[in-house]
PDB file of N, CA and C in Angstrom:
ATOM      1  N   MET A   1      64.404  42.401-114.054  1.00  0.00           N
ATOM      2  CA  MET A   1      63.435  42.484-114.010  1.00  0.00           C
ATOM      3  C   MET A   1      63.328  44.434-114.665  1.00  0.00           C
ATOM      4  N   GLY A   2      63.748  43.973-115.517  1.00  0.00           N
ATOM      5  CA  GLY A   2      63.955  45.153-116.419  1.00  0.00           C
ATOM      6  C   GLY A   2      64.764  46.158-116.677  1.00  0.00           C
ATOM      7  N   GLN A   3      65.682  45.755-115.548  1.00  0.00           N
ATOM      8  CA  GLN A   3      66.555  46.949-115.577  1.00  0.00           C
ATOM      9  C   GLN A   3      68.133  46.922-116.392  1.00  0.00           C
ATOM     10  N   SER A   4      68.799  47.626-117.048  1.00  0.00           N
ATOM     11  CA  SER A   4      70.045  47.354-117.639  1.00  0.00           C
ATOM     12  C   SER A   4      70.989  48.542-116.759  1.00  0.00           C
ATOM     13  N   TYR A   5      72.452  47.585-116.799  1.00  0.00           N
ATOM     14  CA  TYR A   5      73.617  47.787-116.077  1.00  0.00           C
ATOM     15  C   TYR A   5      74.587  47.923-117.326  1.00  0.00           C
ATOM     16  N   LEU A   6      75.541  48.571-116.602  1.00  0.00           N
ATOM     17  CA  LEU A   6      76.572  48.492-117.521  1.00  0.00           C
ATOM     18  C   LEU A   6      77.536  47.843-116.607  1.00  0.00           C
ATOM     19  N   LEU A   7      78.170  46.695-116.642  1.00  0.00           N
ATOM     20  CA  LEU A   7      78.984  46.118-115.814  1.00  0.00           C
ATOM     21  C   LEU A   7      80.454  45.349-116.305  1.00  0.00           C
ATOM     22  N   GLY A   8      81.318  45.203-115.655  1.00  0.00           N
ATOM     23  CA  GLY A   8      82.876  45.097-116.338  1.00  0.00           C
ATOM     24  C   GLY A   8      82.480  43.187-115.252  1.00  0.00           C
ATOM     25  N   CYS A   9      83.739  42.817-116.265  1.00  0.00           N
ATOM     26  CA  CYS A   9      83.847  41.118-115.664  1.00  0.00           C
ATOM     27  C   CYS A   9      85.414  40.876-116.204  1.00  0.00           C
ATOM     28  N   PRO A  10      86.186  39.919-115.865  1.00  0.00           N
ATOM     29  CA  PRO A  10      87.214  39.551-116.254  1.00  0.00           C
ATOM     30  C   PRO A  10      87.519  39.027-117.612  1.00  0.00           C
ATOM     31  N   GLU A  11      88.256  38.881-118.171  1.00  0.00           N
ATOM     32  CA  GLU A  11      88.495  38.582-119.630  1.00  0.00           C
ATOM     33  C   GLU A  11      88.122  37.286-119.823  1.00  0.00           C
ATOM     34  N   ASP A  12      87.274  36.448-120.670  1.00  0.00           N
ATOM     35  CA  ASP A  12      86.953  35.697-120.769  1.00  0.00           C
ATOM     36  C   ASP A  12      85.599  34.942-119.874  1.00  0.00           C
ATOM     37  N   GLY A  13      85.418  36.172-119.119  1.00  0.00           N
ATOM     38  CA  GLY A  13      84.185  35.978-117.783  1.00  0.00           C
ATOM     39  C   GLY A  13      83.054  36.229-118.541  1.00  0.00           C
ATOM     40  N   GLU A  14      82.883  36.508-119.709  1.00  0.00           N
ATOM     41  CA  GLU A  14      81.285  37.065-119.889  1.00  0.00           C
ATOM     42  C   GLU A  14      80.506  36.038-119.881  1.00  0.00           C
ATOM     43  N   ALA A  15      80.479  35.180-119.930  1.00  0.00           N
ATOM     44  CA  ALA A  15      79.404  33.519-120.292  1.00  0.00           C
ATOM     45  C   ALA A  15      78.843  33.558-118.699  1.00  0.00           C
ATOM     46  N   GLN A  16      80.295  33.537-117.759  1.00  0.00           N
ATOM     47  CA  GLN A  16      79.756  33.448-116.721  1.00  0.00           C
ATOM     48  C   GLN A  16      78.909  34.557-115.674  1.00  0.00           C
ATOM     49  N   LEU A  17      79.217  35.810-116.450  1.00  0.00           N
ATOM     50  CA  LEU A  17      78.430  36.686-115.841  1.00  0.00           C
ATOM     51  C   LEU A  17      77.051  37.025-116.105  1.00  0.00           C
ATOM     52  N   ARG A  18      76.905  36.848-117.267  1.00  0.00           N
ATOM     53  CA  ARG A  18      75.594  36.642-117.850  1.00  0.00           C
ATOM     54  C   ARG A  18      74.736  35.358-117.665  1.00  0.00           C
ATOM     55  N   GLU A  19      75.621  34.517-116.870  1.00  0.00           N
ATOM     56  CA  GLU A  19      74.881  32.970-116.226  1.00  0.00           C
ATOM     57  C   GLU A  19      74.467  33.866-115.230  1.00  0.00           C
ATOM     58  N   ALA A  20      75.647  34.646-114.243  1.00  0.00           N
ATOM     59  CA  ALA A  20      75.333  34.970-112.835  1.00  0.00           C
ATOM     60  C   ALA A  20      74.037  36.323-112.948  1.00  0.00           C
ATOM     61  N   VAL A  21      74.001  36.749-113.992  1.00  0.00           N
ATOM     62  CA  VAL A  21      72.679  37.753-114.548  1.00  0.00           C
ATOM     63  C   VAL A  21      71.501  37.263-114.565  1.00  0.00           C
ATOM     64  N   ASP A  22      71.348  36.010-115.123  1.00  0.00           N
ATOM     65  CA  ASP A  22      70.252  35.268-115.383  1.00  0.00           C
ATOM     66  C   ASP A  22      70.139  34.809-113.718  1.00  0.00           C
ATOM     67  N   ARG A  23      70.461  34.098-113.340  1.00  0.00           N
ATOM     68  CA  ARG A  23      70.120  33.568-112.149  1.00  0.00           C
ATOM     69  C   ARG A  23      69.686  34.313-111.090  1.00  0.00           C
ATOM     70  N   VAL A  24      70.441  35.699-110.855  1.00  0.00           N
ATOM     71  CA  VAL A  24      70.089  37.047-109.822  1.00  0.00           C
ATOM     72  C   VAL A  24      68.174  37.573-111.104  1.00  0.00           C
ATOM     73  N   ASP A  25      68.283  37.324-111.621  1.00  0.00           N
ATOM     74  CA  ASP A  25      67.156  37.633-112.220  1.00  0.00           C
ATOM     75  C   ASP A  25      66.090  36.734-112.138  1.00  0.00           C
ATOM     76  N   ALA A  26      66.836  35.899-111.984  1.00  0.00           N
ATOM     77  CA  ALA A  26      65.144  34.863-112.254  1.00  0.00           C
ATOM     78  C   ALA A  26      64.745  34.886-110.596  1.00  0.00           C
ATOM     79  N   ALA A  27      65.647  34.936-109.820  1.00  0.00           N
ATOM     80  CA  ALA A  27      65.284  34.732-108.374  1.00  0.00           C
ATOM     81  C   ALA A  27      64.413  36.252-108.145  1.00  0.00           C
ATOM     82  N   MET A  28      65.023  37.218-108.513  1.00  0.00           N
ATOM     83  CA  MET A  28      64.370  38.517-108.233  1.00  0.00           C
ATOM     84  C   MET A  28      63.084  38.235-108.989  1.00  0.00           C
ATOM     85  N   CYS A  29      62.551  37.697-109.806  1.00  0.00           N
ATOM     86  CA  CYS A  29      61.325  37.457-110.706  1.00  0.00           C
ATOM     87  C   CYS A  29      60.593  36.885-109.755  1.00  0.00           C
ATOM     88  N   LYS A  30      61.430  35.949-109.169  1.00  0.00           N
ATOM     89  CA  LYS A  30      60.173  34.633-108.538  1.00  0.00           C
ATOM     90  C   LYS A  30      59.750  35.425-106.910  1.00  0.00           C
ATOM     91  N   ILE A  31      60.230  36.358-106.516  1.00  0.00           N
ATOM     92  CA  ILE A  31      60.221  37.327-105.554  1.00  0.00           C
ATOM     93  C   ILE A  31      59.055  37.902-105.848  1.00  0.00           C
ATOM     94  N   ARG A  32      58.828  38.611-107.216  1.00  0.00           N
ATOM     95  CA  ARG A  32      58.192  39.486-107.342  1.00  0.00           C
ATOM     96  C   ARG A  32      56.646  39.045-107.629  1.00  0.00           C
ATOM     97  N   ASP A  33      57.052  37.803-108.461  1.00  0.00           N
ATOM     98  CA  ASP A  33      55.679  36.786-109.030  1.00  0.00           C
ATOM     99  C   ASP A  33      54.767  36.710-107.714  1.00  0.00           C
ATOM    100  N   ALA A  34      55.700  36.395-106.606  1.00  0.00           N
ATOM    101  CA  ALA A  34      54.982  35.672-105.517  1.00  0.00           C
ATOM    102  C   ALA A  34      54.186  36.655-104.772  1.00  0.00           C
ATOM    103  N   GLY A  35      54.472  38.115-105.238  1.00  0.00           N
ATOM    104  CA  GLY A  35      53.363  38.871-104.906  1.00  0.00           C
ATOM    105  C   GLY A  35      53.328  40.073-103.621  1.00  0.00           C
ATOM    106  N   LYS A  36      54.647  39.612-102.592  1.00  0.00           N
ATOM    107  CA  LYS A  36      54.525  39.570-101.690  1.00  0.00           C
ATOM    108  C   LYS A  36      55.184  40.752-101.033  1.00  0.00           C
ATOM    109  N   VAL A  37      56.295  40.816-101.810  1.00  0.00           N
ATOM    110  CA  VAL A  37      57.247  42.362-101.935  1.00  0.00           C
ATOM    111  C   VAL A  37      57.003  43.252-103.156  1.00  0.00           C
ATOM    112  N   LYS A  38      56.802  44.096-102.548  1.00  0.00           N
ATOM    113  CA  LYS A  38      56.992  45.200-104.282  1.00  0.00           C
ATOM    114  C   LYS A  38      58.061  45.528-104.571  1.00  0.00           C
ATOM    115  N   ALA A  39      59.293  46.459-103.501  1.00  0.00           N
ATOM    116  CA  ALA A  39      59.929  47.363-103.477  1.00  0.00           C
ATOM    117  C   ALA A  39      61.203  46.234-104.135  1.00  0.00           C
ATOM    118  N   ARG A  40      61.822  46.902-105.466  1.00  0.00           N
ATOM    119  CA  ARG A  40      62.590  46.560-105.873  1.00  0.00           C
ATOM    120  C   ARG A  40      63.862  46.415-105.471  1.00  0.00           C
ATOM    121  N   ASP A  41      64.028  47.599-104.359  1.00  0.00           N
ATOM    122  CA  ASP A  41      65.578  47.064-103.185  1.00  0.00           C
ATOM    123  C   ASP A  41      65.488  45.888-102.492  1.00  0.00           C
ATOM    124  N   ARG A  42      63.886  45.961-102.204  1.00  0.00           N
ATOM    125  CA  ARG A  42      63.914  44.346-101.236  1.00  0.00           C
ATOM    126  C   ARG A  42      64.020  43.244-102.087  1.00  0.00           C
ATOM    127  N   ILE A  43      63.516  43.001-102.984  1.00  0.00           N
ATOM    128  CA  ILE A  43      63.188  42.227-103.871  1.00  0.00           C
ATOM    129  C   ILE A  43      64.616  41.945-104.118  1.00  0.00           C
ATOM    130  N   ALA A  44      65.553  43.117-104.698  1.00  0.00           N
ATOM    131  CA  ALA A  44      67.143  42.516-104.522  1.00  0.00           C
ATOM    132  C   ALA A  44      67.942  41.892-103.745  1.00  0.00           C
ATOM    133  N   VAL A  45      67.601  42.654-102.396  1.00  0.00           N
ATOM    134  CA  VAL A  45      68.697  41.980-100.852  1.00  0.00           C
ATOM    135  C   VAL A  45      68.025  40.456-100.553  1.00  0.00           C
ATOM    136  N   LEU A  46      66.608  40.178-101.191  1.00  0.00           N
ATOM    137  CA  LEU A  46      66.205  39.014-100.535  1.00  0.00           C
ATOM    138  C   LEU A  46      66.978  38.138-101.306  1.00  0.00           C
ATOM    139  N   ALA A  47      66.815  38.705-102.927  1.00  0.00           N
ATOM    140  CA  ALA A  47      66.965  37.445-103.817  1.00  0.00           C
ATOM    141  C   ALA A  47      68.761  37.000-103.633  1.00  0.00           C
ATOM    142  N   SER A  48      69.445  38.415-102.986  1.00  0.00           N
ATOM    143  CA  SER A  48      70.988  37.930-103.059  1.00  0.00           C
ATOM    144  C   SER A  48      71.037  36.960-101.736  1.00  0.00           C
ATOM    145  N   LEU A  49      70.091  37.089-100.846  1.00  0.00           N
ATOM    146  CA  LEU A  49      69.991  36.040 -99.657  1.00  0.00           C
ATOM    147  C   LEU A  49      69.478  35.217 -99.642  1.00  0.00           C
ATOM    148  N   ASN A  50      68.749  34.921-100.712  1.00  0.00           N
ATOM    149  CA  ASN A  50      68.736  33.036-101.110  1.00  0.00           C
ATOM    150  C   ASN A  50      69.901  32.589-102.036  1.00  0.00           C
ATOM    151  N   LEU A  51      70.170  33.327-102.630  1.00  0.00           N
ATOM    152  CA  LEU A  51      71.457  32.979-103.570  1.00  0.00           C
ATOM    153  C   LEU A  51      72.746  32.018-102.536  1.00  0.00           C
ATOM    154  N   ALA A  52      72.644  33.482-101.381  1.00  0.00           N
ATOM    155  CA  ALA A  52      74.025  33.001-100.802  1.00  0.00           C
ATOM    156  C   ALA A  52      73.646  31.929-100.142  1.00  0.00           C
ATOM    157  N   PHE A  53      72.406  31.803 -99.514  1.00  0.00           N
ATOM    158  CA  PHE A  53      72.525  30.765 -98.871  1.00  0.00           C
ATOM    159  C   PHE A  53      72.374  29.328 -99.645  1.00  0.00           C
ATOM    160  N   ASP A  54      72.000  29.618-101.073  1.00  0.00           N
ATOM    161  CA  ASP A  54      71.940  28.175-101.305  1.00  0.00           C
ATOM    162  C   ASP A  54      73.694  27.970-101.828  1.00  0.00           C
ATOM    163  N   LEU A  55      74.642  28.826-101.588  1.00  0.00           N
ATOM    164  CA  LEU A  55      75.651  28.770-101.816  1.00  0.00           C
ATOM    165  C   LEU A  55      76.559  27.873-100.498  1.00  0.00           C
ATOM    166  N   VAL A  56      75.999  28.486 -99.041  1.00  0.00           N
ATOM    167  CA  VAL A  56      76.582  28.200 -98.033  1.00  0.00           C
ATOM    168  C   VAL A  56      76.108  26.389 -98.192  1.00  0.00           C
ATOM    169  N   GLN A  57      74.499  26.317 -98.319  1.00  0.00           N
ATOM    170  CA  GLN A  57      74.340  25.533 -97.814  1.00  0.00           C
ATOM    171  C   GLN A  57      75.087  24.154 -98.796  1.00  0.00           C
ATOM    172  N   ARG A  58      75.408  24.742-100.192  1.00  0.00           N
ATOM    173  CA  ARG A  58      76.359  23.846-101.161  1.00  0.00           C
ATOM    174  C   ARG A  58      77.603  23.725-100.229  1.00  0.00           C
ATOM    175  N   ASP A  59      78.141  24.636 -99.975  1.00  0.00           N
ATOM    176  CA  ASP A  59      79.626  24.450 -99.192  1.00  0.00           C
ATOM    177  C   ASP A  59      79.830  23.342 -98.285  1.00  0.00           C
ATOM    178  N   ALA A  60      78.603  23.528 -97.864  1.00  0.00           N
ATOM    179  CA  ALA A  60      78.050  22.449 -96.368  1.00  0.00           C
ATOM    180  C   ALA A  60      78.197  21.282 -96.545  1.00  0.00           C
ATOM    181  N   ALA A  61      77.874  20.769 -97.917  1.00  0.00           N
ATOM    182  CA  ALA A  61      77.531  19.719 -97.988  1.00  0.00           C
ATOM    183  C   ALA A  61      78.430  19.110 -97.613  1.00  0.00           C
ATOM    184  N   PRO A  62      78.883  17.864 -97.383  1.00  0.00           N
ATOM    185  CA  PRO A  62      80.206  16.981 -97.318  1.00  0.00           C
ATOM    186  C   PRO A  62      80.479  16.416 -98.969  1.00  0.00           C
ATOM    187  N   ALA A  63      81.587  16.741 -99.156  1.00  0.00           N
ATOM    188  CA  ALA A  63      81.602  16.156-100.180  1.00  0.00           C
ATOM    189  C   ALA A  63      82.149  14.894-100.850  1.00  0.00           C
ATOM    190  N   PRO A  64      82.110  14.460-101.973  1.00  0.00           N
ATOM    191  CA  PRO A  64      81.934  13.110-102.082  1.00  0.00           C
ATOM    192  C   PRO A  64      83.417  12.496-102.322  1.00  0.00           C
ATOM    193  N   ALA A  65      83.273  11.126-101.470  1.00  0.00           N
ATOM    194  CA  ALA A  65      84.275  10.389-101.293  1.00  0.00           C
ATOM    195  C   ALA A  65      85.565  10.017-102.671  1.00  0.00           C
ATOM    196  N   PRO A  66      87.099  10.419-102.639  1.00  0.00           N
ATOM    197  CA  PRO A  66      87.309   9.990-103.788  1.00  0.00           C
ATOM    198  C   PRO A  66      87.079   7.866-104.069  1.00  0.00           C
ATOM    199  N   PRO A  67      87.266   7.964-105.255  1.00  0.00           N
ATOM    200  CA  PRO A  67      86.906   6.303-105.789  1.00  0.00           C
ATOM    201  C   PRO A  67      88.076   5.541-104.020  1.00  0.00           C
ATOM    202  N   ALA A  68      87.857   4.510-104.066  1.00  0.00           N
ATOM    203  CA  ALA A  68      89.101   3.576-103.142  1.00  0.00           C
ATOM    204  C   ALA A  68      89.665   3.300-104.427  1.00  0.00           C
ATOM    205  N   GLU A  69      91.037   2.732-103.860  1.00  0.00           N
ATOM    206  CA  GLU A  69      91.692   2.438-104.887  1.00  0.00           C
ATOM    207  C   GLU A  69      92.033   1.143-104.575  1.00  0.00           C
ATOM    208  N   PRO A  70      92.262  -0.099-105.784  1.00  0.00           N
ATOM    209  CA  PRO A  70      92.020  -1.216-105.448  1.00  0.00           C
ATOM    210  C   PRO A  70      93.565  -1.372-104.765  1.00  0.00           C
ATOM    211  N   ALA A  71      93.895  -2.657-103.934  1.00  0.00           N
ATOM    212  CA  ALA A  71      94.557  -3.170-103.310  1.00  0.00           C
ATOM    213  C   ALA A  71      95.697  -3.665-103.994  1.00  0.00           C
ATOM    214  N   SER A  72      97.223  -2.969-104.073  1.00  0.00           N
ATOM    215  CA  SER A  72      97.859  -3.401-104.812  1.00  0.00           C
ATOM    216  C   SER A  72      99.474  -3.876-103.908  1.00  0.00           C
ATOM    217  N   ALA A  73     100.632  -3.696-104.880  1.00  0.00           N
ATOM    218  CA  ALA A  73     101.560  -3.733-103.902  1.00  0.00           C
ATOM    219  C   ALA A  73     102.159  -2.441-103.180  1.00  0.00           C
ATOM    220  N   PRO A  74     102.588  -2.023-101.920  1.00  0.00           N
ATOM    221  CA  PRO A  74     103.041  -1.029-101.071  1.00  0.00           C
ATOM    222  C   PRO A  74     103.801  -0.317-102.024  1.00  0.00           C
ATOM    223  N   ARG A  75     103.553   1.305-101.695  1.00  0.00           N
ATOM    224  CA  ARG A  75     104.012   2.014-102.827  1.00  0.00           C
ATOM    225  C   ARG A  75     105.140   2.846-101.828  1.00  0.00           C
ATOM    226  N   SER A  76     106.102   3.613-102.645  1.00  0.00           N
ATOM    227  CA  SER A  76     107.281   4.019-101.949  1.00  0.00           C
ATOM    228  C   SER A  76     106.480   5.845-101.074  1.00  0.00           C
ATOM    229  N   ASP A  77     106.924   6.088-100.269  1.00  0.00           N
ATOM    230  CA  ASP A  77     106.187   7.311 -99.644  1.00  0.00           C
ATOM    231  C   ASP A  77     106.136   8.446-100.413  1.00  0.00           C
ATOM    232  N   ALA A  78     107.065   8.241-101.579  1.00  0.00           N
ATOM    233  CA  ALA A  78     107.333   9.500-102.410  1.00  0.00           C
ATOM    234  C   ALA A  78     106.076   9.676-103.374  1.00  0.00           C
ATOM    235  N   THR A  79     105.960   8.240-103.985  1.00  0.00           N
ATOM    236  CA  THR A  79     104.565   7.817-104.414  1.00  0.00           C
ATOM    237  C   THR A  79     103.227   8.166-104.252  1.00  0.00           C
ATOM    238  N   ALA A  80     103.189   7.574-103.212  1.00  0.00           N
ATOM    239  CA  ALA A  80     102.063   7.906-102.151  1.00  0.00           C
ATOM    240  C   ALA A  80     101.542   8.710-102.022  1.00  0.00           C
ATOM    241  N   ASP A  81     102.786  10.147-101.262  1.00  0.00           N
ATOM    242  CA  ASP A  81     102.126  11.242-101.509  1.00  0.00           C
ATOM    243  C   ASP A  81     101.973  11.873-102.752  1.00  0.00           C
ATOM    244  N   ASP A  82     102.834  11.799-103.975  1.00  0.00           N
ATOM    245  CA  ASP A  82     102.200  12.062-105.259  1.00  0.00           C
ATOM    246  C   ASP A  82     100.468  11.587-105.366  1.00  0.00           C
ATOM    247  N   ALA A  83     100.292  10.602-104.975  1.00  0.00           N
ATOM    248  CA  ALA A  83      99.150  10.300-105.413  1.00  0.00           C
ATOM    249  C   ALA A  83      98.134  10.868-104.904  1.00  0.00           C
ATOM    250  N   ARG A  84      98.501  11.364-103.215  1.00  0.00           N
ATOM    251  CA  ARG A  84      97.505  12.263-102.408  1.00  0.00           C
ATOM    252  C   ARG A  84      97.427  13.581-102.857  1.00  0.00           C
ATOM    253  N   ALA A  85      98.396  14.442-103.437  1.00  0.00           N
ATOM    254  CA  ALA A  85      98.543  15.477-103.822  1.00  0.00           C
ATOM    255  C   ALA A  85      97.769  15.307-105.353  1.00  0.00           C
ATOM    256  N   ALA A  86      97.074  14.279-106.136  1.00  0.00           N
ATOM    257  CA  ALA A  86      96.750  14.163-107.161  1.00  0.00           C
ATOM    258  C   ALA A  86      95.396  14.608-106.805  1.00  0.00           C
ATOM    259  N   GLN A  87      95.547  13.778-105.902  1.00  0.00           N
ATOM    260  CA  GLN A  87      93.673  13.570-105.467  1.00  0.00           C
ATOM    261  C   GLN A  87      93.276  14.795-104.815  1.00  0.00           C
ATOM    262  N   LEU A  88      93.791  15.037-104.343  1.00  0.00           N
ATOM    263  CA  LEU A  88      93.726  17.128-103.882  1.00  0.00           C
ATOM    264  C   LEU A  88      93.649  17.907-104.726  1.00  0.00           C
ATOM    265  N   VAL A  89      94.715  17.495-105.737  1.00  0.00           N
ATOM    266  CA  VAL A  89      94.206  18.944-106.789  1.00  0.00           C
ATOM    267  C   VAL A  89      92.591  18.605-107.641  1.00  0.00           C
ATOM    268  N   GLN A  90      92.625  17.427-107.753  1.00  0.00           N
ATOM    269  CA  GLN A  90      91.219  16.928-107.984  1.00  0.00           C
ATOM    270  C   GLN A  90      90.244  17.360-107.463  1.00  0.00           C
ATOM    271  N   ARG A  91      90.574  17.318-106.500  1.00  0.00           N
ATOM    272  CA  ARG A  91      89.194  17.431-105.937  1.00  0.00           C
ATOM    273  C   ARG A  91      88.760  19.118-105.436  1.00  0.00           C
ATOM    274  N   LEU A  92      90.219  19.600-105.702  1.00  0.00           N
ATOM    275  CA  LEU A  92      90.029  21.097-105.863  1.00  0.00           C
ATOM    276  C   LEU A  92      89.345  21.709-107.093  1.00  0.00           C
ATOM    277  N   ASP A  93      89.649  20.951-107.888  1.00  0.00           N
ATOM    278  CA  ASP A  93      89.514  21.392-109.450  1.00  0.00           C
ATOM    279  C   ASP A  93      87.750  21.179-109.135  1.00  0.00           C
ATOM    280  N   GLN A  94      87.316  20.257-108.746  1.00  0.00           N
ATOM    281  CA  GLN A  94      86.246  19.731-108.779  1.00  0.00           C
ATOM    282  C   GLN A  94      85.204  20.883-107.557  1.00  0.00           C
ATOM    283  N   ALA A  95      85.563  21.289-106.608  1.00  0.00           N
ATOM    284  CA  ALA A  95      85.186  21.920-105.893  1.00  0.00           C
ATOM    285  C   ALA A  95      84.787  23.331-106.571  1.00  0.00           C
ATOM    286  N   LEU A  96      86.609  23.893-107.669  1.00  0.00           N
ATOM    287  CA  LEU A  96      86.094  25.656-107.808  1.00  0.00           C
ATOM    288  C   LEU A  96      85.426  25.074-109.059  1.00  0.00           C
ATOM    289  N   ALA A  97      85.525  24.096-109.804  1.00  0.00           N
ATOM    290  CA  ALA A  97      85.104  23.845-111.328  1.00  0.00           C
ATOM    291  C   ALA A  97      83.561  24.539-111.170  1.00  0.00           C
ATOM    292  N   GLY A  98      82.384  24.432-110.341  1.00  0.00           N
ATOM    293  CA  GLY A  98      81.182  25.069-110.501  1.00  0.00           C
ATOM    294  C   GLY A  98      80.616  25.365-109.204  1.00  0.00           C
ATOM    295  N   ASP A  99      81.778  26.687-108.702  1.00  0.00           N
ATOM    296  CA  ASP A  99      80.749  27.517-108.121  1.00  0.00           C
ATOM    297  C   ASP A  99      80.342  28.572-108.491  1.00  0.00           C
ATOM    298  N   GLY A 100      80.384  28.641-109.986  1.00  0.00           N
ATOM    299  CA  GLY A 100      79.569  29.746-110.323  1.00  0.00           C
ATOM    300  C   GLY A 100      79.872  30.696-110.325  1.00  0.00           C
ATOM    301  N   LEU A 101      81.145  31.352-109.087  1.00  0.00           N
ATOM    302  CA  LEU A 101      81.483  32.863-108.755  1.00  0.00           C
ATOM    303  C   LEU A 101      82.649  33.410-110.337  1.00  0.00           C
ATOM    304  N   LEU A 102      82.937  34.544-110.261  1.00  0.00           N
ATOM    305  CA  LEU A 102      83.539  35.060-111.019  1.00  0.00           C
ATOM    306  C   LEU A 102      84.799  35.112-110.817  1.00  0.00           C
ATOM    307  N   LEU A 103      85.385  34.953-109.337  1.00  0.00           N
ATOM    308  CA  LEU A 103      86.776  35.554-108.800  1.00  0.00           C
ATOM    309  C   LEU A 103      87.105  33.899-107.962  1.00  0.00           C
TER     310      LEU A 103
END
């Protein structure tokens, strides 16, 4: 909303920080343009609450189930554990990749 700030970010985090800045600015401008709130500090608080609420909703959404494995010969316990670990790592990667957070 026309303000400049000097911000720091982790190495290789500039693109994500710029995306976060764009999201916050868009959320603040949307509230400002609605015309019901004029004070910049109140707009900032409302925008941050709206963005946090969106994250909470997204985190509460059930994760998609991994694709079913085709029926095959029984695997040893070690092989089954490896497959479960790989699925868990894949699900964690998916969950963490799109959260938009810097840390």
